[in-house]
PDB file of all heavy atoms in Angstrom:
ATOM      1  N   GLU A   1     -78.495 -66.309 113.563  1.00  0.00           N
ATOM      2  CA  GLU A   1     -78.677 -66.955 112.259  1.00  0.00           C
ATOM      3  C   GLU A   1     -77.682 -68.081 112.047  1.00  0.00           C
ATOM      4  O   GLU A   1     -77.977 -69.058 111.353  1.00  0.00           O
ATOM      5  CB  GLU A   1     -78.543 -65.935 111.125  1.00  0.00           C
ATOM      6  CG  GLU A   1     -79.674 -64.932 111.068  1.00  0.00           C
ATOM      7  CD  GLU A   1     -79.312 -63.630 111.748  1.00  0.00           C
ATOM      8  OE1 GLU A   1     -78.590 -63.658 112.771  1.00  0.00           O
ATOM      9  OE2 GLU A   1     -79.750 -62.584 111.244  1.00  0.00           O
ATOM     10  N   ARG A   2     -76.481 -67.954 112.640  1.00  0.00           N
ATOM     11  CA  ARG A   2     -75.494 -69.034 112.507  1.00  0.00           C
ATOM     12  C   ARG A   2     -75.985 -70.281 113.240  1.00  0.00           C
ATOM     13  O   ARG A   2     -75.729 -71.399 112.808  1.00  0.00           O
ATOM     14  CB  ARG A   2     -74.138 -68.596 113.077  1.00  0.00           C
ATOM     15  CG  ARG A   2     -73.524 -67.330 112.487  1.00  0.00           C
ATOM     16  CD  ARG A   2     -73.133 -67.479 111.036  1.00  0.00           C
ATOM     17  NE  ARG A   2     -74.264 -67.261 110.139  1.00  0.00           N
ATOM     18  CZ  ARG A   2     -74.779 -66.063 109.855  1.00  0.00           C
ATOM     19  NH1 ARG A   2     -74.298 -64.963 110.406  1.00  0.00           N
ATOM     20  NH2 ARG A   2     -75.794 -65.957 109.006  1.00  0.00           N
ATOM     21  N   GLU A   3     -76.688 -70.078 114.342  1.00  0.00           N
ATOM     22  CA  GLU A   3     -77.258 -71.219 115.071  1.00  0.00           C
ATOM     23  C   GLU A   3     -78.313 -71.911 114.207  1.00  0.00           C
ATOM     24  O   GLU A   3     -78.388 -73.143 114.161  1.00  0.00           O
ATOM     25  CB  GLU A   3     -77.883 -70.751 116.386  1.00  0.00           C
ATOM     26  CG  GLU A   3     -76.935 -70.064 117.354  1.00  0.00           C
ATOM     27  CD  GLU A   3     -76.288 -71.027 118.337  1.00  0.00           C
ATOM     28  OE1 GLU A   3     -76.415 -72.256 118.180  1.00  0.00           O
ATOM     29  OE2 GLU A   3     -75.657 -70.523 119.291  1.00  0.00           O
ATOM     30  N   PHE A   4     -79.137 -71.110 113.526  1.00  0.00           N
ATOM     31  CA  PHE A   4     -80.137 -71.687 112.625  1.00  0.00           C
ATOM     32  C   PHE A   4     -79.447 -72.527 111.547  1.00  0.00           C
ATOM     33  O   PHE A   4     -79.873 -73.644 111.242  1.00  0.00           O
ATOM     34  CB  PHE A   4     -80.946 -70.580 111.938  1.00  0.00           C
ATOM     35  CG  PHE A   4     -81.744 -69.690 112.857  1.00  0.00           C
ATOM     36  CD1 PHE A   4     -82.340 -68.542 112.364  1.00  0.00           C
ATOM     37  CD2 PHE A   4     -81.911 -69.990 114.202  1.00  0.00           C
ATOM     38  CE1 PHE A   4     -83.087 -67.714 113.184  1.00  0.00           C
ATOM     39  CE2 PHE A   4     -82.646 -69.164 115.041  1.00  0.00           C
ATOM     40  CZ  PHE A   4     -83.237 -68.021 114.522  1.00  0.00           C
ATOM     41  N   GLU A   5     -78.381 -71.966 110.981  1.00  0.00           N
ATOM     42  CA  GLU A   5     -77.652 -72.667 109.924  1.00  0.00           C
ATOM     43  C   GLU A   5     -77.005 -73.950 110.436  1.00  0.00           C
ATOM     44  O   GLU A   5     -76.931 -74.944 109.697  1.00  0.00           O
ATOM     45  CB  GLU A   5     -76.591 -71.744 109.324  1.00  0.00           C
ATOM     46  CG  GLU A   5     -77.174 -70.566 108.553  1.00  0.00           C
ATOM     47  CD  GLU A   5     -76.171 -69.466 108.278  1.00  0.00           C
ATOM     48  OE1 GLU A   5     -74.997 -69.630 108.673  1.00  0.00           O
ATOM     49  OE2 GLU A   5     -76.568 -68.447 107.681  1.00  0.00           O
ATOM     50  N   ASP A   6     -76.530 -73.931 111.677  1.00  0.00           N
ATOM     51  CA  ASP A   6     -75.919 -75.134 112.255  1.00  0.00           C
ATOM     52  C   ASP A   6     -76.918 -76.276 112.327  1.00  0.00           C
ATOM     53  O   ASP A   6     -76.635 -77.406 111.906  1.00  0.00           O
ATOM     54  CB  ASP A   6     -75.399 -74.840 113.666  1.00  0.00           C
ATOM     55  CG  ASP A   6     -74.267 -73.828 113.697  1.00  0.00           C
ATOM     56  OD1 ASP A   6     -73.692 -73.529 112.632  1.00  0.00           O
ATOM     57  OD2 ASP A   6     -73.971 -73.325 114.797  1.00  0.00           O
ATOM     58  N   VAL A   7     -78.098 -75.984 112.872  1.00  0.00           N
ATOM     59  CA  VAL A   7     -79.123 -77.022 112.997  1.00  0.00           C
ATOM     60  C   VAL A   7     -79.570 -77.488 111.617  1.00  0.00           C
ATOM     61  O   VAL A   7     -79.759 -78.688 111.376  1.00  0.00           O
ATOM     62  CB  VAL A   7     -80.321 -76.512 113.821  1.00  0.00           C
ATOM     63  CG1 VAL A   7     -81.421 -77.575 113.886  1.00  0.00           C
ATOM     64  CG2 VAL A   7     -79.881 -76.131 115.237  1.00  0.00           C
ATOM     65  N   ALA A   8     -79.708 -76.549 110.686  1.00  0.00           N
ATOM     66  CA  ALA A   8     -80.117 -76.911 109.327  1.00  0.00           C
ATOM     67  C   ALA A   8     -79.074 -77.802 108.654  1.00  0.00           C
ATOM     68  O   ALA A   8     -79.422 -78.772 107.961  1.00  0.00           O
ATOM     69  CB  ALA A   8     -80.347 -75.650 108.494  1.00  0.00           C
ATOM     70  N   ALA A   9     -77.789 -77.490 108.856  1.00  0.00           N
ATOM     71  CA  ALA A   9     -76.721 -78.297 108.247  1.00  0.00           C
ATOM     72  C   ALA A   9     -76.739 -79.716 108.786  1.00  0.00           C
ATOM     73  O   ALA A   9     -76.589 -80.690 108.033  1.00  0.00           O
ATOM     74  CB  ALA A   9     -75.363 -77.645 108.513  1.00  0.00           C
ATOM     75  N   VAL A  10     -76.939 -79.848 110.086  1.00  0.00           N
ATOM     76  CA  VAL A  10     -77.012 -81.184 110.684  1.00  0.00           C
ATOM     77  C   VAL A  10     -78.242 -81.924 110.157  1.00  0.00           C
ATOM     78  O   VAL A  10     -78.174 -83.097 109.779  1.00  0.00           O
ATOM     79  CB  VAL A  10     -77.044 -81.100 112.222  1.00  0.00           C
ATOM     80  CG1 VAL A  10     -77.281 -82.479 112.831  1.00  0.00           C
ATOM     81  CG2 VAL A  10     -75.739 -80.507 112.745  1.00  0.00           C
ATOM     82  N   ALA A  11     -79.382 -81.231 110.125  1.00  0.00           N
ATOM     83  CA  ALA A  11     -80.615 -81.859 109.642  1.00  0.00           C
ATOM     84  C   ALA A  11     -80.464 -82.297 108.186  1.00  0.00           C
ATOM     85  O   ALA A  11     -80.911 -83.390 107.808  1.00  0.00           O
ATOM     86  CB  ALA A  11     -81.788 -80.891 109.778  1.00  0.00           C
ATOM     87  N   ASP A  12     -79.829 -81.460 107.364  1.00  0.00           N
ATOM     88  CA  ASP A  12     -79.630 -81.815 105.962  1.00  0.00           C
ATOM     89  C   ASP A  12     -78.790 -83.087 105.841  1.00  0.00           C
ATOM     90  O   ASP A  12     -79.102 -83.979 105.035  1.00  0.00           O
ATOM     91  CB  ASP A  12     -78.934 -80.679 105.215  1.00  0.00           C
ATOM     92  CG  ASP A  12     -79.849 -79.497 104.931  1.00  0.00           C
ATOM     93  OD1 ASP A  12     -81.082 -79.670 104.997  1.00  0.00           O
ATOM     94  OD2 ASP A  12     -79.323 -78.404 104.648  1.00  0.00           O
ATOM     95  N   THR A  13     -77.735 -83.178 106.634  1.00  0.00           N
ATOM     96  CA  THR A  13     -76.853 -84.344 106.576  1.00  0.00           C
ATOM     97  C   THR A  13     -77.572 -85.599 107.038  1.00  0.00           C
ATOM     98  O   THR A  13     -77.531 -86.643 106.375  1.00  0.00           O
ATOM     99  CB  THR A  13     -75.610 -84.107 107.451  1.00  0.00           C
ATOM    100  OG1 THR A  13     -74.881 -82.979 106.933  1.00  0.00           O
ATOM    101  CG2 THR A  13     -74.707 -85.324 107.454  1.00  0.00           C
ATOM    102  N   VAL A  14     -78.244 -85.506 108.170  1.00  0.00           N
ATOM    103  CA  VAL A  14     -78.926 -86.674 108.734  1.00  0.00           C
ATOM    104  C   VAL A  14     -80.084 -87.107 107.837  1.00  0.00           C
ATOM    105  O   VAL A  14     -80.290 -88.304 107.587  1.00  0.00           O
ATOM    106  CB  VAL A  14     -79.414 -86.373 110.165  1.00  0.00           C
ATOM    107  CG1 VAL A  14     -80.254 -87.521 110.714  1.00  0.00           C
ATOM    108  CG2 VAL A  14     -78.222 -86.096 111.083  1.00  0.00           C
ATOM    109  N   ALA A  15     -80.854 -86.144 107.335  1.00  0.00           N
ATOM    110  CA  ALA A  15     -81.999 -86.469 106.479  1.00  0.00           C
ATOM    111  C   ALA A  15     -81.552 -87.101 105.167  1.00  0.00           C
ATOM    112  O   ALA A  15     -82.208 -88.023 104.655  1.00  0.00           O
ATOM    113  CB  ALA A  15     -82.821 -85.213 106.208  1.00  0.00           C
ATOM    114  N   ALA A  16     -80.451 -86.608 104.602  1.00  0.00           N
ATOM    115  CA  ALA A  16     -79.955 -87.174 103.347  1.00  0.00           C
ATOM    116  C   ALA A  16     -79.569 -88.634 103.524  1.00  0.00           C
ATOM    117  O   ALA A  16     -79.822 -89.472 102.644  1.00  0.00           O
ATOM    118  CB  ALA A  16     -78.758 -86.358 102.850  1.00  0.00           C
ATOM    119  N   GLU A  17     -78.980 -88.941 104.661  1.00  0.00           N
ATOM    120  CA  GLU A  17     -78.573 -90.319 104.920  1.00  0.00           C
ATOM    121  C   GLU A  17     -79.773 -91.205 105.248  1.00  0.00           C
ATOM    122  O   GLU A  17     -79.795 -92.392 104.895  1.00  0.00           O
ATOM    123  CB  GLU A  17     -77.556 -90.347 106.061  1.00  0.00           C
ATOM    124  CG  GLU A  17     -76.242 -89.650 105.693  1.00  0.00           C
ATOM    125  CD  GLU A  17     -75.307 -89.512 106.874  1.00  0.00           C
ATOM    126  OE1 GLU A  17     -75.728 -89.816 108.013  1.00  0.00           O
ATOM    127  OE2 GLU A  17     -74.153 -89.091 106.655  1.00  0.00           O
ATOM    128  N   ALA A  18     -80.776 -90.637 105.918  1.00  0.00           N
ATOM    129  CA  ALA A  18     -81.948 -91.422 106.302  1.00  0.00           C
ATOM    130  C   ALA A  18     -82.930 -91.584 105.153  1.00  0.00           C
ATOM    131  O   ALA A  18     -83.734 -92.517 105.125  1.00  0.00           O
ATOM    132  CB  ALA A  18     -82.652 -90.772 107.491  1.00  0.00           C
ATOM    133  N   GLY A  19     -82.913 -90.628 104.221  1.00  0.00           N
ATOM    134  CA  GLY A  19     -83.834 -90.683 103.096  1.00  0.00           C
ATOM    135  C   GLY A  19     -85.169 -90.035 103.375  1.00  0.00           C
ATOM    136  O   GLY A  19     -86.106 -90.174 102.582  1.00  0.00           O
ATOM    137  N   HIS A  20     -85.268 -89.303 104.481  1.00  0.00           N
ATOM    138  CA  HIS A  20     -86.509 -88.593 104.809  1.00  0.00           C
ATOM    139  C   HIS A  20     -86.193 -87.507 105.828  1.00  0.00           C
ATOM    140  O   HIS A  20     -85.131 -87.534 106.463  1.00  0.00           O
ATOM    141  CB  HIS A  20     -87.569 -89.554 105.366  1.00  0.00           C
ATOM    142  CG  HIS A  20     -87.074 -90.420 106.487  1.00  0.00           C
ATOM    143  ND1 HIS A  20     -86.850 -89.929 107.756  1.00  0.00           N
ATOM    144  CD2 HIS A  20     -86.749 -91.736 106.519  1.00  0.00           C
ATOM    145  CE1 HIS A  20     -86.420 -90.917 108.536  1.00  0.00           C
ATOM    146  NE2 HIS A  20     -86.346 -92.015 107.810  1.00  0.00           N
ATOM    147  N   PRO A  21     -87.090 -86.528 106.010  1.00  0.00           N
ATOM    148  CA  PRO A  21     -86.825 -85.447 106.965  1.00  0.00           C
ATOM    149  C   PRO A  21     -86.613 -85.962 108.387  1.00  0.00           C
ATOM    150  O   PRO A  21     -87.119 -87.016 108.777  1.00  0.00           O
ATOM    151  CB  PRO A  21     -88.085 -84.577 106.873  1.00  0.00           C
ATOM    152  CG  PRO A  21     -88.624 -84.859 105.519  1.00  0.00           C
ATOM    153  CD  PRO A  21     -88.344 -86.324 105.276  1.00  0.00           C
ATOM    154  N   VAL A  22     -85.865 -85.191 109.150  1.00  0.00           N
ATOM    155  CA  VAL A  22     -85.556 -85.550 110.532  1.00  0.00           C
ATOM    156  C   VAL A  22     -86.409 -84.694 111.476  1.00  0.00           C
ATOM    157  O   VAL A  22     -86.671 -83.514 111.207  1.00  0.00           O
ATOM    158  CB  VAL A  22     -84.050 -85.355 110.823  1.00  0.00           C
ATOM    159  CG1 VAL A  22     -83.632 -83.908 110.624  1.00  0.00           C
ATOM    160  CG2 VAL A  22     -83.702 -85.814 112.233  1.00  0.00           C
ATOM    161  N   ASP A  23     -86.884 -85.280 112.565  1.00  0.00           N
ATOM    162  CA  ASP A  23     -87.591 -84.531 113.602  1.00  0.00           C
ATOM    163  C   ASP A  23     -86.570 -83.937 114.564  1.00  0.00           C
ATOM    164  O   ASP A  23     -85.488 -84.504 114.774  1.00  0.00           O
ATOM    165  CB  ASP A  23     -88.564 -85.443 114.356  1.00  0.00           C
ATOM    166  CG  ASP A  23     -89.646 -86.004 113.444  1.00  0.00           C
ATOM    167  OD1 ASP A  23     -90.131 -85.260 112.575  1.00  0.00           O
ATOM    168  OD2 ASP A  23     -90.004 -87.192 113.599  1.00  0.00           O
ATOM    169  N   VAL A  24     -86.906 -82.804 115.160  1.00  0.00           N
ATOM    170  CA  VAL A  24     -85.970 -82.086 116.017  1.00  0.00           C
ATOM    171  C   VAL A  24     -86.637 -81.740 117.345  1.00  0.00           C
ATOM    172  O   VAL A  24     -87.769 -81.241 117.368  1.00  0.00           O
ATOM    173  CB  VAL A  24     -85.470 -80.790 115.350  1.00  0.00           C
ATOM    174  CG1 VAL A  24     -84.414 -80.118 116.217  1.00  0.00           C
ATOM    175  CG2 VAL A  24     -84.907 -81.070 113.958  1.00  0.00           C
ATOM    176  N   VAL A  25     -85.936 -82.007 118.439  1.00  0.00           N
ATOM    177  CA  VAL A  25     -86.363 -81.589 119.771  1.00  0.00           C
ATOM    178  C   VAL A  25     -85.369 -80.555 120.267  1.00  0.00           C
ATOM    179  O   VAL A  25     -84.162 -80.833 120.344  1.00  0.00           O
ATOM    180  CB  VAL A  25     -86.417 -82.774 120.754  1.00  0.00           C
ATOM    181  CG1 VAL A  25     -86.727 -82.276 122.170  1.00  0.00           C
ATOM    182  CG2 VAL A  25     -87.454 -83.796 120.316  1.00  0.00           C
ATOM    183  N   GLY A  26     -85.844 -79.357 120.590  1.00  0.00           N
ATOM    184  CA  GLY A  26     -84.958 -78.308 121.074  1.00  0.00           C
ATOM    185  C   GLY A  26     -85.426 -77.765 122.405  1.00  0.00           C
ATOM    186  O   GLY A  26     -86.613 -77.484 122.589  1.00  0.00           O
ATOM    187  N   HIS A  27     -84.490 -77.618 123.332  1.00  0.00           N
ATOM    188  CA  HIS A  27     -84.810 -77.061 124.648  1.00  0.00           C
ATOM    189  C   HIS A  27     -84.406 -75.591 124.706  1.00  0.00           C
ATOM    190  O   HIS A  27     -83.276 -75.239 124.406  1.00  0.00           O
ATOM    191  CB  HIS A  27     -84.081 -77.832 125.752  1.00  0.00           C
ATOM    192  CG  HIS A  27     -84.214 -77.196 127.109  1.00  0.00           C
ATOM    193  ND1 HIS A  27     -83.146 -76.738 127.823  1.00  0.00           N
ATOM    194  CD2 HIS A  27     -85.326 -76.934 127.858  1.00  0.00           C
ATOM    195  CE1 HIS A  27     -83.572 -76.219 128.972  1.00  0.00           C
ATOM    196  NE2 HIS A  27     -84.883 -76.327 129.014  1.00  0.00           N
TER     197      HIS A  27
END
């Protein structure tokens, strides 16, 4: 769950700055 929160925190930061949701590629 901490890994989920990490990706979500990054996405929240990047999306807020971009003004729209961010796409994610995960391997």
